[in-house]
């Protein structure tokens, strides 16, 4: 499977990690989470989990309030909690 916007596929033979990396930047704040094939039960399931988390994160950030052109502190905390629970 090929990488998509904000989702990058990692399949290195020399490392133990194989899976997807979600990385989204918004107004100077970057959110990153790794979705391991091993943890989610395969490449497709890891992608599905990563895609779902990405959609939830985008929705949260699109509806969020900005303070001085940046995301509010509470929005950043909510986004980090969302990624931690994914």
N, C-alpha and C. Protein backbone atom coordinates (compact mmCIF):
# COMPACT_ATOMS: atom_id res chain seq x y z
N UNK A 1 0.84 -1.18 0.00
CA UNK A 1 0.00 0.00 0.00
C UNK A 1 0.88 1.25 0.00
N UNK A 2 0.42 2.27 -0.66
CA UNK A 2 1.19 3.50 -0.76
C UNK A 2 0.76 4.50 0.30
N UNK A 3 1.66 5.40 0.60
CA UNK A 3 1.38 6.46 1.56
C UNK A 3 0.32 7.39 1.00
N UNK A 4 -0.36 8.07 1.90
CA UNK A 4 -1.38 9.05 1.55
C UNK A 4 -1.02 10.36 2.24
N UNK A 5 -1.77 11.40 1.94
CA UNK A 5 -1.51 12.68 2.59
C UNK A 5 -1.74 12.51 4.10
N UNK A 6 -0.78 12.88 4.89
CA UNK A 6 -0.76 12.81 6.35
C UNK A 6 -0.62 11.39 6.90
N UNK A 7 -0.55 10.37 6.04
CA UNK A 7 -0.33 8.99 6.47
C UNK A 7 0.84 8.42 5.67
N UNK A 8 1.88 8.01 6.37
CA UNK A 8 3.08 7.49 5.73
C UNK A 8 3.26 6.03 6.11
N UNK A 9 3.56 5.21 5.13
CA UNK A 9 3.78 3.78 5.36
C UNK A 9 5.25 3.53 5.69
N UNK A 10 5.51 2.81 6.77
CA UNK A 10 6.86 2.41 7.15
C UNK A 10 6.97 0.90 7.05
N UNK A 11 7.86 0.43 6.18
CA UNK A 11 8.09 -1.01 6.02
C UNK A 11 9.59 -1.26 5.87
N UNK A 12 10.30 -1.02 6.93
CA UNK A 12 11.74 -1.23 6.92
C UNK A 12 12.05 -2.66 7.35
N UNK A 13 12.80 -3.36 6.56
CA UNK A 13 13.17 -4.74 6.88
C UNK A 13 14.19 -4.81 8.01
N UNK A 14 14.94 -3.74 8.21
CA UNK A 14 16.01 -3.75 9.21
C UNK A 14 15.53 -3.33 10.60
N UNK A 15 14.27 -2.94 10.74
CA UNK A 15 13.75 -2.55 12.05
C UNK A 15 12.55 -3.41 12.42
N UNK A 16 12.19 -3.36 13.66
CA UNK A 16 11.06 -4.16 14.15
C UNK A 16 9.72 -3.49 13.81
N UNK A 17 9.71 -2.18 13.52
CA UNK A 17 8.46 -1.47 13.28
C UNK A 17 8.03 -1.55 11.83
N UNK A 18 6.79 -1.95 11.64
CA UNK A 18 6.13 -1.86 10.34
C UNK A 18 4.73 -1.36 10.61
N UNK A 19 4.34 -0.31 9.93
CA UNK A 19 3.02 0.25 10.15
C UNK A 19 2.88 1.61 9.49
N UNK A 20 1.95 2.40 10.03
CA UNK A 20 1.60 3.70 9.49
C UNK A 20 1.92 4.80 10.50
N UNK A 21 2.34 5.94 9.99
CA UNK A 21 2.58 7.12 10.82
C UNK A 21 1.62 8.20 10.40
N UNK A 22 0.82 8.68 11.35
CA UNK A 22 -0.06 9.81 11.12
C UNK A 22 0.69 11.05 11.54
N UNK A 23 0.76 12.04 10.69
CA UNK A 23 1.44 13.29 11.02
C UNK A 23 0.64 14.44 10.40
N UNK A 24 0.14 15.32 11.26
CA UNK A 24 -0.69 16.43 10.81
C UNK A 24 -0.21 17.70 11.51
N UNK A 25 0.05 18.73 10.72
CA UNK A 25 0.46 20.03 11.27
C UNK A 25 -0.63 21.04 11.01
N UNK A 26 -0.91 21.82 12.04
CA UNK A 26 -1.95 22.85 11.92
C UNK A 26 -1.50 24.06 12.72
N UNK A 27 -1.42 25.19 12.08
CA UNK A 27 -1.04 26.47 12.68
C UNK A 27 0.16 26.37 13.63
N UNK A 28 1.18 25.68 13.19
CA UNK A 28 2.42 25.60 13.95
C UNK A 28 2.51 24.48 14.97
N UNK A 29 1.46 23.67 15.09
CA UNK A 29 1.47 22.54 16.02
C UNK A 29 1.41 21.25 15.21
N UNK A 30 2.29 20.31 15.54
CA UNK A 30 2.35 19.03 14.82
C UNK A 30 1.88 17.90 15.73
N UNK A 31 1.02 17.05 15.19
CA UNK A 31 0.51 15.89 15.90
C UNK A 31 0.99 14.64 15.17
N UNK A 32 1.56 13.69 15.92
CA UNK A 32 2.10 12.47 15.32
C UNK A 32 1.70 11.26 16.16
N UNK A 33 1.36 10.17 15.46
CA UNK A 33 1.07 8.89 16.14
C UNK A 33 1.43 7.77 15.18
N UNK A 34 1.95 6.68 15.74
CA UNK A 34 2.31 5.50 14.96
C UNK A 34 1.27 4.41 15.18
N UNK A 35 0.92 3.73 14.10
CA UNK A 35 -0.05 2.63 14.12
C UNK A 35 0.66 1.38 13.60
N UNK A 36 1.04 0.51 14.51
CA UNK A 36 1.81 -0.68 14.20
C UNK A 36 0.92 -1.78 13.61
N UNK A 37 1.41 -2.44 12.57
CA UNK A 37 0.70 -3.59 12.00
C UNK A 37 0.51 -4.68 13.05
N UNK A 38 1.52 -4.87 13.87
CA UNK A 38 1.48 -5.92 14.88
C UNK A 38 0.38 -5.64 15.92
N UNK A 39 0.28 -4.41 16.36
CA UNK A 39 -0.71 -4.05 17.38
C UNK A 39 -2.13 -4.12 16.84
N UNK A 40 -2.33 -3.69 15.60
CA UNK A 40 -3.68 -3.61 15.04
C UNK A 40 -4.08 -4.84 14.23
N UNK A 41 -3.20 -5.81 14.09
CA UNK A 41 -3.56 -7.06 13.42
C UNK A 41 -3.40 -7.07 11.92
N UNK A 42 -2.49 -6.29 11.40
CA UNK A 42 -2.21 -6.30 9.97
C UNK A 42 -2.19 -4.92 9.37
N UNK A 43 -1.69 -4.87 8.14
CA UNK A 43 -1.49 -3.60 7.44
C UNK A 43 -2.80 -2.87 7.20
N UNK A 44 -3.81 -3.56 6.74
CA UNK A 44 -5.10 -2.93 6.43
C UNK A 44 -5.81 -2.43 7.69
N UNK A 45 -5.76 -3.20 8.75
CA UNK A 45 -6.40 -2.79 10.00
C UNK A 45 -5.68 -1.60 10.62
N UNK A 46 -4.37 -1.57 10.53
CA UNK A 46 -3.60 -0.44 11.03
C UNK A 46 -3.92 0.82 10.22
N UNK A 47 -4.06 0.67 8.91
CA UNK A 47 -4.42 1.80 8.06
C UNK A 47 -5.82 2.30 8.40
N UNK A 48 -6.74 1.38 8.63
CA UNK A 48 -8.11 1.77 8.97
C UNK A 48 -8.13 2.56 10.28
N UNK A 49 -7.37 2.10 11.27
CA UNK A 49 -7.28 2.81 12.56
C UNK A 49 -6.64 4.19 12.38
N UNK A 50 -5.58 4.26 11.60
CA UNK A 50 -4.89 5.53 11.36
C UNK A 50 -5.79 6.50 10.61
N UNK A 51 -6.52 6.01 9.62
CA UNK A 51 -7.42 6.85 8.84
C UNK A 51 -8.56 7.38 9.70
N UNK A 52 -9.10 6.53 10.57
CA UNK A 52 -10.16 6.96 11.48
C UNK A 52 -9.68 8.03 12.44
N UNK A 53 -8.49 7.84 12.99
CA UNK A 53 -7.91 8.83 13.91
C UNK A 53 -7.64 10.14 13.18
N UNK A 54 -7.16 10.05 11.95
CA UNK A 54 -6.89 11.25 11.15
C UNK A 54 -8.17 12.04 10.91
N UNK A 55 -9.24 11.35 10.56
CA UNK A 55 -10.52 12.03 10.32
C UNK A 55 -11.04 12.71 11.58
N UNK A 56 -10.95 12.02 12.72
CA UNK A 56 -11.38 12.61 14.00
C UNK A 56 -10.53 13.83 14.34
N UNK A 57 -9.23 13.72 14.15
CA UNK A 57 -8.32 14.82 14.44
C UNK A 57 -8.60 16.02 13.55
N UNK A 58 -8.80 15.78 12.27
CA UNK A 58 -9.12 16.89 11.34
C UNK A 58 -10.41 17.58 11.75
N UNK A 59 -11.42 16.79 12.09
CA UNK A 59 -12.70 17.36 12.50
C UNK A 59 -12.55 18.23 13.74
N UNK A 60 -11.81 17.74 14.73
CA UNK A 60 -11.57 18.50 15.95
C UNK A 60 -10.84 19.80 15.64
N UNK A 61 -9.80 19.73 14.83
CA UNK A 61 -8.99 20.92 14.55
C UNK A 61 -9.72 21.92 13.66
N UNK A 62 -10.56 21.44 12.75
CA UNK A 62 -11.31 22.35 11.89
C UNK A 62 -12.36 23.14 12.66
N UNK A 63 -12.91 22.53 13.70
CA UNK A 63 -13.94 23.19 14.50
C UNK A 63 -13.37 23.98 15.67
N UNK A 64 -12.06 23.93 15.86
CA UNK A 64 -11.44 24.53 17.04
C UNK A 64 -11.31 26.04 16.92
N UNK A 65 -11.20 26.65 18.09
CA UNK A 65 -11.02 28.08 18.20
C UNK A 65 -9.53 28.39 18.19
N UNK A 66 -9.17 29.48 17.59
CA UNK A 66 -7.77 29.88 17.53
C UNK A 66 -7.54 31.08 18.44
N UNK A 67 -6.37 31.13 19.07
CA UNK A 67 -5.98 32.24 19.93
C UNK A 67 -4.70 32.81 19.35
N UNK A 68 -4.76 34.06 18.93
CA UNK A 68 -3.61 34.73 18.29
C UNK A 68 -3.08 33.93 17.11
N UNK A 69 -3.98 33.34 16.33
CA UNK A 69 -3.59 32.60 15.13
C UNK A 69 -3.08 31.20 15.38
N UNK A 70 -3.11 30.74 16.61
CA UNK A 70 -2.65 29.38 16.94
C UNK A 70 -3.78 28.62 17.61
N UNK A 71 -3.63 27.30 17.67
CA UNK A 71 -4.62 26.48 18.35
C UNK A 71 -4.62 26.78 19.84
N UNK A 72 -5.80 26.76 20.45
CA UNK A 72 -5.88 27.00 21.89
C UNK A 72 -5.25 25.82 22.63
N UNK A 73 -4.82 26.08 23.86
CA UNK A 73 -4.17 25.05 24.66
C UNK A 73 -5.11 23.87 24.90
N UNK A 74 -6.39 24.16 25.14
CA UNK A 74 -7.36 23.09 25.38
C UNK A 74 -7.56 22.22 24.14
N UNK A 75 -7.50 22.82 22.97
CA UNK A 75 -7.64 22.05 21.73
C UNK A 75 -6.45 21.12 21.54
N UNK A 76 -5.26 21.61 21.84
CA UNK A 76 -4.05 20.78 21.73
C UNK A 76 -4.14 19.59 22.68
N UNK A 77 -4.61 19.83 23.90
CA UNK A 77 -4.75 18.75 24.90
C UNK A 77 -5.77 17.73 24.41
N UNK A 78 -6.91 18.21 23.90
CA UNK A 78 -7.95 17.31 23.38
C UNK A 78 -7.42 16.46 22.24
N UNK A 79 -6.66 17.07 21.35
CA UNK A 79 -6.09 16.34 20.21
C UNK A 79 -5.10 15.28 20.67
N UNK A 80 -4.28 15.63 21.65
CA UNK A 80 -3.31 14.66 22.18
C UNK A 80 -4.01 13.50 22.85
N UNK A 81 -5.09 13.76 23.59
CA UNK A 81 -5.86 12.69 24.22
C UNK A 81 -6.52 11.80 23.17
N UNK A 82 -7.03 12.43 22.11
CA UNK A 82 -7.67 11.67 21.03
C UNK A 82 -6.66 10.71 20.41
N UNK A 83 -5.46 11.18 20.16
CA UNK A 83 -4.44 10.32 19.56
C UNK A 83 -3.96 9.24 20.52
N UNK A 84 -3.91 9.57 21.80
CA UNK A 84 -3.46 8.58 22.78
C UNK A 84 -4.46 7.44 22.90
N UNK A 85 -5.75 7.75 22.78
CA UNK A 85 -6.77 6.71 22.92
C UNK A 85 -6.98 5.91 21.63
N UNK A 86 -6.45 6.40 20.53
CA UNK A 86 -6.65 5.71 19.23
C UNK A 86 -5.80 4.46 19.14
